[in-house]
């Protein structure tokens, strides 16, 4: 059996405790908007990208329709989450 070396040799390793943080609603919505923008780019690749990928690797080009379909599904989910989160935030602020 191999001996452990280093500063943690013989000790139980526990992950560091991450203090809970409160992220503001505006920050959550902004982060979600960034994710939505990235998903939109993945779901709607530029016209020439398929030709370039096909020239570089025909195998990758064959996977493009599947990847695009998955990206569109993710985009739809993120858009629905954004809409629902905005509704919940609005409700919360109306009750305060």
PDB file of N, CA and C in Angstrom:
ATOM      1  N   UNK A   1       0.839  -1.174   0.000  1.00  0.00           N
ATOM      2  CA  UNK A   1       0.000   0.000   0.000  1.00  0.00           C
ATOM      3  C   UNK A   1       0.890   1.245   0.000  1.00  0.00           C
ATOM      4  N   UNK A   2       0.518   2.191  -0.785  1.00  0.00           N
ATOM      5  CA  UNK A   2       1.285   3.419  -0.940  1.00  0.00           C
ATOM      6  C   UNK A   2       0.967   4.391   0.189  1.00  0.00           C
ATOM      7  N   UNK A   3       2.001   5.003   0.763  1.00  0.00           N
ATOM      8  CA  UNK A   3       1.815   5.977   1.834  1.00  0.00           C
ATOM      9  C   UNK A   3       1.429   7.332   1.256  1.00  0.00           C
ATOM     10  N   UNK A   4       0.567   8.029   1.966  1.00  0.00           N
ATOM     11  CA  UNK A   4       0.207   9.382   1.557  1.00  0.00           C
ATOM     12  C   UNK A   4       1.346  10.324   1.883  1.00  0.00           C
ATOM     13  N   UNK A   5       1.553  11.259   1.028  1.00  0.00           N
ATOM     14  CA  UNK A   5       2.574  12.263   1.259  1.00  0.00           C
ATOM     15  C   UNK A   5       1.946  13.639   1.230  1.00  0.00           C
ATOM     16  N   UNK A   6       2.639  14.597   1.744  1.00  0.00           N
ATOM     17  CA  UNK A   6       2.159  15.975   1.708  1.00  0.00           C
ATOM     18  C   UNK A   6       1.596  16.411   3.037  1.00  0.00           C
ATOM     19  N   UNK A   7       1.023  17.588   3.044  1.00  0.00           N
ATOM     20  CA  UNK A   7       0.572  18.176   4.310  1.00  0.00           C
ATOM     21  C   UNK A   7      -0.676  17.494   4.869  1.00  0.00           C
ATOM     22  N   UNK A   8      -1.421  16.774   4.026  1.00  0.00           N
ATOM     23  CA  UNK A   8      -2.635  16.122   4.499  1.00  0.00           C
ATOM     24  C   UNK A   8      -2.428  14.634   4.782  1.00  0.00           C
ATOM     25  N   UNK A   9      -1.185  14.173   4.786  1.00  0.00           N
ATOM     26  CA  UNK A   9      -0.910  12.758   5.017  1.00  0.00           C
ATOM     27  C   UNK A   9      -1.437  12.343   6.386  1.00  0.00           C
ATOM     28  N   UNK A  10      -2.242  11.314   6.406  1.00  0.00           N
ATOM     29  CA  UNK A  10      -2.743  10.767   7.661  1.00  0.00           C
ATOM     30  C   UNK A  10      -3.905  11.527   8.265  1.00  0.00           C
ATOM     31  N   UNK A  11      -4.379  12.580   7.660  1.00  0.00           N
ATOM     32  CA  UNK A  11      -5.502  13.365   8.189  1.00  0.00           C
ATOM     33  C   UNK A  11      -6.743  13.151   7.332  1.00  0.00           C
ATOM     34  N   UNK A  12      -7.868  13.304   7.960  1.00  0.00           N
ATOM     35  CA  UNK A  12      -9.119  13.280   7.210  1.00  0.00           C
ATOM     36  C   UNK A  12      -9.223  14.575   6.430  1.00  0.00           C
ATOM     37  N   UNK A  13      -9.467  14.460   5.171  1.00  0.00           N
ATOM     38  CA  UNK A  13      -9.611  15.663   4.356  1.00  0.00           C
ATOM     39  C   UNK A  13     -11.080  16.030   4.268  1.00  0.00           C
ATOM     40  N   UNK A  14     -11.384  17.219   4.707  1.00  0.00           N
ATOM     41  CA  UNK A  14     -12.747  17.713   4.612  1.00  0.00           C
ATOM     42  C   UNK A  14     -12.738  18.941   3.717  1.00  0.00           C
ATOM     43  N   UNK A  15     -13.771  19.078   2.914  1.00  0.00           N
ATOM     44  CA  UNK A  15     -13.820  20.252   2.046  1.00  0.00           C
ATOM     45  C   UNK A  15     -13.957  21.519   2.874  1.00  0.00           C
ATOM     46  N   UNK A  16     -13.423  22.602   2.368  1.00  0.00           N
ATOM     47  CA  UNK A  16     -13.541  23.857   3.111  1.00  0.00           C
ATOM     48  C   UNK A  16     -14.997  24.298   3.204  1.00  0.00           C
ATOM     49  N   UNK A  17     -15.333  24.911   4.302  1.00  0.00           N
ATOM     50  CA  UNK A  17     -16.698  25.394   4.503  1.00  0.00           C
ATOM     51  C   UNK A  17     -16.841  26.723   3.768  1.00  0.00           C
ATOM     52  N   UNK A  18     -17.835  26.771   2.903  1.00  0.00           N
ATOM     53  CA  UNK A  18     -18.102  27.991   2.155  1.00  0.00           C
ATOM     54  C   UNK A  18     -19.245  28.710   2.859  1.00  0.00           C
ATOM     55  N   UNK A  19     -18.987  29.931   3.319  1.00  0.00           N
ATOM     56  CA  UNK A  19     -20.055  30.642   4.028  1.00  0.00           C
ATOM     57  C   UNK A  19     -21.221  30.947   3.084  1.00  0.00           C
ATOM     58  N   UNK A  20     -22.431  30.825   3.587  1.00  0.00           N
ATOM     59  CA  UNK A  20     -23.583  31.141   2.728  1.00  0.00           C
ATOM     60  C   UNK A  20     -23.576  32.628   2.376  1.00  0.00           C
ATOM     61  N   UNK A  21     -23.888  32.895   1.149  1.00  0.00           N
ATOM     62  CA  UNK A  21     -23.952  34.283   0.709  1.00  0.00           C
ATOM     63  C   UNK A  21     -25.332  34.571   0.170  1.00  0.00           C
ATOM     64  N   UNK A  22     -25.733  35.759   0.312  1.00  0.00           N
ATOM     65  CA  UNK A  22     -27.019  36.182  -0.203  1.00  0.00           C
ATOM     66  C   UNK A  22     -26.767  36.939  -1.499  1.00  0.00           C
ATOM     67  N   UNK A  23     -27.260  36.414  -2.591  1.00  0.00           N
ATOM     68  CA  UNK A  23     -27.104  37.066  -3.882  1.00  0.00           C
ATOM     69  C   UNK A  23     -28.365  37.884  -4.130  1.00  0.00           C
ATOM     70  N   UNK A  24     -28.178  39.114  -4.556  1.00  0.00           N
ATOM     71  CA  UNK A  24     -29.339  39.978  -4.779  1.00  0.00           C
ATOM     72  C   UNK A  24     -30.153  39.480  -5.961  1.00  0.00           C
ATOM     73  N   UNK A  25     -31.408  39.840  -5.952  1.00  0.00           N
ATOM     74  CA  UNK A  25     -32.302  39.442  -7.038  1.00  0.00           C
ATOM     75  C   UNK A  25     -31.817  39.993  -8.371  1.00  0.00           C
ATOM     76  N   UNK A  26     -31.349  41.230  -8.362  1.00  0.00           N
ATOM     77  CA  UNK A  26     -30.863  41.840  -9.603  1.00  0.00           C
ATOM     78  C   UNK A  26     -29.661  41.076 -10.142  1.00  0.00           C
ATOM     79  N   UNK A  27     -28.782  40.650  -9.250  1.00  0.00           N
ATOM     80  CA  UNK A  27     -27.599  39.890  -9.664  1.00  0.00           C
ATOM     81  C   UNK A  27     -28.007  38.531 -10.225  1.00  0.00           C
ATOM     82  N   UNK A  28     -28.982  37.878  -9.583  1.00  0.00           N
ATOM     83  CA  UNK A  28     -29.473  36.595 -10.087  1.00  0.00           C
ATOM     84  C   UNK A  28     -30.036  36.737 -11.502  1.00  0.00           C
ATOM     85  N   UNK A  29     -30.839  37.769 -11.695  1.00  0.00           N
ATOM     86  CA  UNK A  29     -31.416  37.988 -13.022  1.00  0.00           C
ATOM     87  C   UNK A  29     -30.332  38.324 -14.044  1.00  0.00           C
ATOM     88  N   UNK A  30     -29.345  39.107 -13.656  1.00  0.00           N
ATOM     89  CA  UNK A  30     -28.253  39.453 -14.570  1.00  0.00           C
ATOM     90  C   UNK A  30     -27.439  38.212 -14.937  1.00  0.00           C
ATOM     91  N   UNK A  31     -27.153  37.361 -13.948  1.00  0.00           N
ATOM     92  CA  UNK A  31     -26.420  36.118 -14.229  1.00  0.00           C
ATOM     93  C   UNK A  31     -27.227  35.208 -15.148  1.00  0.00           C
ATOM     94  N   UNK A  32     -28.524  35.164 -14.922  1.00  0.00           N
ATOM     95  CA  UNK A  32     -29.387  34.346 -15.765  1.00  0.00           C
ATOM     96  C   UNK A  32     -29.427  34.892 -17.195  1.00  0.00           C
ATOM     97  N   UNK A  33     -29.424  36.203 -17.333  1.00  0.00           N
ATOM     98  CA  UNK A  33     -29.391  36.811 -18.668  1.00  0.00           C
ATOM     99  C   UNK A  33     -28.114  36.443 -19.420  1.00  0.00           C
ATOM    100  N   UNK A  34     -26.999  36.370 -18.706  1.00  0.00           N
ATOM    101  CA  UNK A  34     -25.729  35.962 -19.328  1.00  0.00           C
ATOM    102  C   UNK A  34     -25.831  34.519 -19.816  1.00  0.00           C
ATOM    103  N   UNK A  35     -26.406  33.656 -18.989  1.00  0.00           N
ATOM    104  CA  UNK A  35     -26.586  32.249 -19.380  1.00  0.00           C
ATOM    105  C   UNK A  35     -27.518  32.129 -20.584  1.00  0.00           C
ATOM    106  N   UNK A  36     -28.566  32.935 -20.604  1.00  0.00           N
ATOM    107  CA  UNK A  36     -29.506  32.910 -21.728  1.00  0.00           C
ATOM    108  C   UNK A  36     -28.817  33.362 -23.004  1.00  0.00           C
ATOM    109  N   UNK A  37     -27.997  34.394 -22.930  1.00  0.00           N
ATOM    110  CA  UNK A  37     -27.272  34.873 -24.117  1.00  0.00           C
ATOM    111  C   UNK A  37     -26.339  33.801 -24.657  1.00  0.00           C
ATOM    112  N   UNK A  38     -25.662  33.080 -23.757  1.00  0.00           N
ATOM    113  CA  UNK A  38     -24.763  32.001 -24.189  1.00  0.00           C
ATOM    114  C   UNK A  38     -25.554  30.863 -24.824  1.00  0.00           C
ATOM    115  N   UNK A  39     -26.712  30.555 -24.253  1.00  0.00           N
ATOM    116  CA  UNK A  39     -27.554  29.492 -24.811  1.00  0.00           C
ATOM    117  C   UNK A  39     -28.113  29.893 -26.173  1.00  0.00           C
ATOM    118  N   UNK A  40     -28.429  31.185 -26.352  1.00  0.00           N
ATOM    119  CA  UNK A  40     -28.916  31.659 -27.652  1.00  0.00           C
ATOM    120  C   UNK A  40     -27.842  31.492 -28.728  1.00  0.00           C
ATOM    121  N   UNK A  41     -26.595  31.805 -28.375  1.00  0.00           N
ATOM    122  CA  UNK A  41     -25.502  31.640 -29.341  1.00  0.00           C
ATOM    123  C   UNK A  41     -25.315  30.164 -29.704  1.00  0.00           C
ATOM    124  N   UNK A  42     -25.443  29.286 -28.721  1.00  0.00           N
ATOM    125  CA  UNK A  42     -25.281  27.853 -28.980  1.00  0.00           C
ATOM    126  C   UNK A  42     -26.457  27.294 -29.785  1.00  0.00           C
ATOM    127  N   UNK A  43     -27.647  27.816 -29.535  1.00  0.00           N
ATOM    128  CA  UNK A  43     -28.838  27.317 -30.221  1.00  0.00           C
ATOM    129  C   UNK A  43     -28.946  27.837 -31.649  1.00  0.00           C
ATOM    130  N   UNK A  44     -28.309  28.962 -31.920  1.00  0.00           N
ATOM    131  CA  UNK A  44     -28.376  29.566 -33.246  1.00  0.00           C
ATOM    132  C   UNK A  44     -26.965  29.842 -33.767  1.00  0.00           C
ATOM    133  N   UNK A  45     -26.242  28.780 -34.148  1.00  0.00           N
ATOM    134  CA  UNK A  45     -24.865  28.987 -34.616  1.00  0.00           C
ATOM    135  C   UNK A  45     -24.850  29.756 -35.937  1.00  0.00           C
ATOM    136  N   UNK A  46     -23.777  30.500 -36.201  1.00  0.00           N
ATOM    137  CA  UNK A  46     -23.670  31.234 -37.464  1.00  0.00           C
ATOM    138  C   UNK A  46     -23.730  30.279 -38.659  1.00  0.00           C
ATOM    139  N   UNK A  47     -24.231  30.770 -39.768  1.00  0.00           N
ATOM    140  CA  UNK A  47     -24.411  29.939 -40.965  1.00  0.00           C
ATOM    141  C   UNK A  47     -23.119  29.250 -41.411  1.00  0.00           C
ATOM    142  N   UNK A  48     -22.019  29.967 -41.422  1.00  0.00           N
ATOM    143  CA  UNK A  48     -20.765  29.402 -41.921  1.00  0.00           C
ATOM    144  C   UNK A  48     -20.096  28.420 -40.986  1.00  0.00           C
ATOM    145  N   UNK A  49     -20.545  28.376 -39.748  1.00  0.00           N
ATOM    146  CA  UNK A  49     -19.872  27.508 -38.779  1.00  0.00           C
ATOM    147  C   UNK A  49     -20.013  26.034 -39.127  1.00  0.00           C
ATOM    148  N   UNK A  50     -21.145  25.636 -39.659  1.00  0.00           N
ATOM    149  CA  UNK A  50     -21.349  24.235 -40.026  1.00  0.00           C
ATOM    150  C   UNK A  50     -20.382  23.826 -41.133  1.00  0.00           C
ATOM    151  N   UNK A  51     -20.183  24.698 -42.111  1.00  0.00           N
ATOM    152  CA  UNK A  51     -19.257  24.389 -43.205  1.00  0.00           C
ATOM    153  C   UNK A  51     -17.825  24.268 -42.699  1.00  0.00           C
ATOM    154  N   UNK A  52     -17.444  25.151 -41.787  1.00  0.00           N
ATOM    155  CA  UNK A  52     -16.088  25.109 -41.233  1.00  0.00           C
ATOM    156  C   UNK A  52     -15.890  23.824 -40.436  1.00  0.00           C
ATOM    157  N   UNK A  53     -16.853  23.492 -39.594  1.00  0.00           N
ATOM    158  CA  UNK A  53     -16.748  22.277 -38.781  1.00  0.00           C
ATOM    159  C   UNK A  53     -16.727  21.045 -39.672  1.00  0.00           C
ATOM    160  N   UNK A  54     -17.530  21.041 -40.730  1.00  0.00           N
ATOM    161  CA  UNK A  54     -17.554  19.910 -41.653  1.00  0.00           C
ATOM    162  C   UNK A  54     -16.197  19.744 -42.335  1.00  0.00           C
ATOM    163  N   UNK A  55     -15.554  20.854 -42.667  1.00  0.00           N
ATOM    164  CA  UNK A  55     -14.240  20.777 -43.302  1.00  0.00           C
ATOM    165  C   UNK A  55     -13.189  20.266 -42.321  1.00  0.00           C
ATOM    166  N   UNK A  56     -13.306  20.667 -41.060  1.00  0.00           N
ATOM    167  CA  UNK A  56     -12.323  20.242 -40.063  1.00  0.00           C
ATOM    168  C   UNK A  56     -12.552  18.806 -39.602  1.00  0.00           C
ATOM    169  N   UNK A  57     -13.806  18.476 -39.348  1.00  0.00           N
ATOM    170  CA  UNK A  57     -14.126  17.145 -38.842  1.00  0.00           C
ATOM    171  C   UNK A  57     -15.559  16.772 -39.214  1.00  0.00           C
ATOM    172  N   UNK A  58     -15.711  15.909 -40.210  1.00  0.00           N
ATOM    173  CA  UNK A  58     -17.065  15.495 -40.595  1.00  0.00           C
ATOM    174  C   UNK A  58     -17.849  14.849 -39.445  1.00  0.00           C
ATOM    175  N   UNK A  59     -17.148  14.188 -38.550  1.00  0.00           N
ATOM    176  CA  UNK A  59     -17.821  13.569 -37.399  1.00  0.00           C
ATOM    177  C   UNK A  59     -18.467  14.598 -36.494  1.00  0.00           C
ATOM    178  N   UNK A  60     -17.764  15.697 -36.274  1.00  0.00           N
ATOM    179  CA  UNK A  60     -18.337  16.772 -35.448  1.00  0.00           C
ATOM    180  C   UNK A  60     -19.519  17.421 -36.147  1.00  0.00           C
ATOM    181  N   UNK A  61     -19.417  17.576 -37.453  1.00  0.00           N
ATOM    182  CA  UNK A  61     -20.515  18.188 -38.206  1.00  0.00           C
ATOM    183  C   UNK A  61     -21.784  17.352 -38.103  1.00  0.00           C
ATOM    184  N   UNK A  62     -21.619  16.045 -38.029  1.00  0.00           N
ATOM    185  CA  UNK A  62     -22.782  15.162 -37.908  1.00  0.00           C
ATOM    186  C   UNK A  62     -23.470  15.327 -36.555  1.00  0.00           C
ATOM    187  N   UNK A  63     -22.721  15.769 -35.551  1.00  0.00           N
ATOM    188  CA  UNK A  63     -23.297  15.950 -34.214  1.00  0.00           C
ATOM    189  C   UNK A  63     -23.927  17.328 -34.032  1.00  0.00           C
ATOM    190  N   UNK A  64     -23.718  18.230 -34.971  1.00  0.00           N
ATOM    191  CA  UNK A  64     -24.240  19.597 -34.842  1.00  0.00           C
ATOM    192  C   UNK A  64     -25.756  19.660 -34.659  1.00  0.00           C
ATOM    193  N   UNK A  65     -26.542  18.925 -35.448  1.00  0.00           N
ATOM    194  CA  UNK A  65     -28.002  19.011 -35.249  1.00  0.00           C
ATOM    195  C   UNK A  65     -28.433  18.602 -33.836  1.00  0.00           C
ATOM    196  N   UNK A  66     -27.802  17.581 -33.295  1.00  0.00           N
ATOM    197  CA  UNK A  66     -28.143  17.135 -31.944  1.00  0.00           C
ATOM    198  C   UNK A  66     -27.750  18.187 -30.913  1.00  0.00           C
ATOM    199  N   UNK A  67     -26.560  18.734 -31.065  1.00  0.00           N
ATOM    200  CA  UNK A  67     -26.091  19.761 -30.134  1.00  0.00           C
ATOM    201  C   UNK A  67     -26.974  21.008 -30.206  1.00  0.00           C
ATOM    202  N   UNK A  68     -27.380  21.378 -31.408  1.00  0.00           N
ATOM    203  CA  UNK A  68     -28.246  22.550 -31.581  1.00  0.00           C
ATOM    204  C   UNK A  68     -29.612  22.299 -30.945  1.00  0.00           C
ATOM    205  N   UNK A  69     -30.139  21.099 -31.118  1.00  0.00           N
ATOM    206  CA  UNK A  69     -31.430  20.753 -30.524  1.00  0.00           C
ATOM    207  C   UNK A  69     -31.357  20.814 -28.992  1.00  0.00           C
ATOM    208  N   UNK A  70     -30.278  20.288 -28.421  1.00  0.00           N
ATOM    209  CA  UNK A  70     -30.106  20.341 -26.970  1.00  0.00           C
ATOM    210  C   UNK A  70     -29.962  21.776 -26.488  1.00  0.00           C
ATOM    211  N   UNK A  71     -29.251  22.588 -27.246  1.00  0.00           N
ATOM    212  CA  UNK A  71     -29.064  23.992 -26.878  1.00  0.00           C
ATOM    213  C   UNK A  71     -30.391  24.738 -26.925  1.00  0.00           C
ATOM    214  N   UNK A  72     -31.227  24.430 -27.906  1.00  0.00           N
ATOM    215  CA  UNK A  72     -32.547  25.082 -27.990  1.00  0.00           C
ATOM    216  C   UNK A  72     -33.423  24.696 -26.799  1.00  0.00           C
ATOM    217  N   UNK A  73     -33.333  23.433 -26.398  1.00  0.00           N
ATOM    218  CA  UNK A  73     -34.106  22.970 -25.237  1.00  0.00           C
ATOM    219  C   UNK A  73     -33.628  23.688 -23.975  1.00  0.00           C
ATOM    220  N   UNK A  74     -32.315  23.813 -23.821  1.00  0.00           N
ATOM    221  CA  UNK A  74     -31.759  24.522 -22.665  1.00  0.00           C
ATOM    222  C   UNK A  74     -32.175  25.983 -22.687  1.00  0.00           C
ATOM    223  N   UNK A  75     -32.136  26.595 -23.861  1.00  0.00           N
ATOM    224  CA  UNK A  75     -32.537  27.994 -24.004  1.00  0.00           C
ATOM    225  C   UNK A  75     -33.986  28.181 -23.577  1.00  0.00           C
ATOM    226  N   UNK A  76     -34.864  27.322 -24.029  1.00  0.00           N
ATOM    227  CA  UNK A  76     -36.279  27.415 -23.666  1.00  0.00           C
ATOM    228  C   UNK A  76     -36.453  27.291 -22.153  1.00  0.00           C
ATOM    229  N   UNK A  77     -35.748  26.353 -21.549  1.00  0.00           N
ATOM    230  CA  UNK A  77     -35.824  26.169 -20.098  1.00  0.00           C
ATOM    231  C   UNK A  77     -35.339  27.414 -19.367  1.00  0.00           C
ATOM    232  N   UNK A  78     -34.199  27.953 -19.788  1.00  0.00           N
ATOM    233  CA  UNK A  78     -33.658  29.150 -19.140  1.00  0.00           C
ATOM    234  C   UNK A  78     -34.601  30.342 -19.284  1.00  0.00           C
ATOM    235  N   UNK A  79     -35.221  30.484 -20.448  1.00  0.00           N
ATOM    236  CA  UNK A  79     -36.161  31.585 -20.650  1.00  0.00           C
ATOM    237  C   UNK A  79     -37.376  31.441 -19.733  1.00  0.00           C
ATOM    238  N   UNK A  80     -37.851  30.208 -19.567  1.00  0.00           N
ATOM    239  CA  UNK A  80     -38.989  29.978 -18.678  1.00  0.00           C
ATOM    240  C   UNK A  80     -38.611  30.238 -17.220  1.00  0.00           C
ATOM    241  N   UNK A  81     -37.406  29.837 -16.839  1.00  0.00           N
ATOM    242  CA  UNK A  81     -36.924  30.095 -15.483  1.00  0.00           C
ATOM    243  C   UNK A  81     -36.823  31.597 -15.246  1.00  0.00           C
ATOM    244  N   UNK A  82     -36.305  32.319 -16.216  1.00  0.00           N
ATOM    245  CA  UNK A  82     -36.150  33.786 -16.096  1.00  0.00           C
ATOM    246  C   UNK A  82     -37.506  34.448 -15.904  1.00  0.00           C
ATOM    247  N   UNK A  83     -38.468  34.024 -16.707  1.00  0.00           N
ATOM    248  CA  UNK A  83     -39.810  34.607 -16.627  1.00  0.00           C
ATOM    249  C   UNK A  83     -40.433  34.322 -15.256  1.00  0.00           C
ATOM    250  N   UNK A  84     -40.318  33.084 -14.794  1.00  0.00           N
ATOM    251  CA  UNK A  84     -40.913  32.712 -13.511  1.00  0.00           C
ATOM    252  C   UNK A  84     -40.213  33.408 -12.346  1.00  0.00           C
ATOM    253  N   UNK A  85     -38.894  33.488 -12.397  1.00  0.00           N
ATOM    254  CA  UNK A  85     -38.144  34.162 -11.349  1.00  0.00           C
ATOM    255  C   UNK A  85     -38.524  35.643 -11.269  1.00  0.00           C
ATOM    256  N   UNK A  86     -38.667  36.264 -12.423  1.00  0.00           N
ATOM    257  CA  UNK A  86     -39.072  37.668 -12.445  1.00  0.00           C
ATOM    258  C   UNK A  86     -40.468  37.840 -11.832  1.00  0.00           C
ATOM    259  N   UNK A  87     -41.383  36.907 -12.118  1.00  0.00           N
ATOM    260  CA  UNK A  87     -42.724  36.971 -11.536  1.00  0.00           C
ATOM    261  C   UNK A  87     -42.669  36.836 -10.014  1.00  0.00           C
ATOM    262  N   UNK A  88     -41.871  35.894  -9.529  1.00  0.00           N
ATOM    263  CA  UNK A  88     -41.763  35.680  -8.080  1.00  0.00           C
ATOM    264  C   UNK A  88     -41.135  36.875  -7.381  1.00  0.00           C
ATOM    265  N   UNK A  89     -40.134  37.446  -7.997  1.00  0.00           N
ATOM    266  CA  UNK A  89     -39.490  38.626  -7.413  1.00  0.00           C
ATOM    267  C   UNK A  89     -40.471  39.793  -7.362  1.00  0.00           C
ATOM    268  N   UNK A  90     -41.224  39.965  -8.429  1.00  0.00           N
ATOM    269  CA  UNK A  90     -42.214  41.053  -8.465  1.00  0.00           C
ATOM    270  C   UNK A  90     -43.257  40.861  -7.375  1.00  0.00           C
ATOM    271  N   UNK A  91     -43.735  39.609  -7.210  1.00  0.00           N
ATOM    272  CA  UNK A  91     -44.712  39.317  -6.160  1.00  0.00           C
ATOM    273  C   UNK A  91     -44.154  39.620  -4.781  1.00  0.00           C
ATOM    274  N   UNK A  92     -42.892  39.228  -4.572  1.00  0.00           N
ATOM    275  CA  UNK A  92     -42.260  39.448  -3.272  1.00  0.00           C
ATOM    276  C   UNK A  92     -42.180  40.928  -2.936  1.00  0.00           C
ATOM    277  N   UNK A  93     -41.829  41.743  -3.917  1.00  0.00           N
ATOM    278  CA  UNK A  93     -41.704  43.169  -3.658  1.00  0.00           C
ATOM    279  C   UNK A  93     -43.058  43.852  -3.516  1.00  0.00           C
ATOM    280  N   UNK A  94     -44.106  43.283  -4.112  1.00  0.00           N
ATOM    281  CA  UNK A  94     -45.448  43.836  -3.943  1.00  0.00           C
ATOM    282  C   UNK A  94     -45.981  43.611  -2.541  1.00  0.00           C
ATOM    283  N   UNK A  95     -45.552  42.508  -1.903  1.00  0.00           N
ATOM    284  CA  UNK A  95     -46.032  42.168  -0.560  1.00  0.00           C
ATOM    285  C   UNK A  95     -45.257  42.876   0.531  1.00  0.00           C
ATOM    286  N   UNK A  96     -44.167  43.500   0.200  1.00  0.00           N
ATOM    287  CA  UNK A  96     -43.358  44.164   1.239  1.00  0.00           C
ATOM    288  C   UNK A  96     -43.854  45.547   1.543  1.00  0.00           C
TER     289      UNK A  96
END
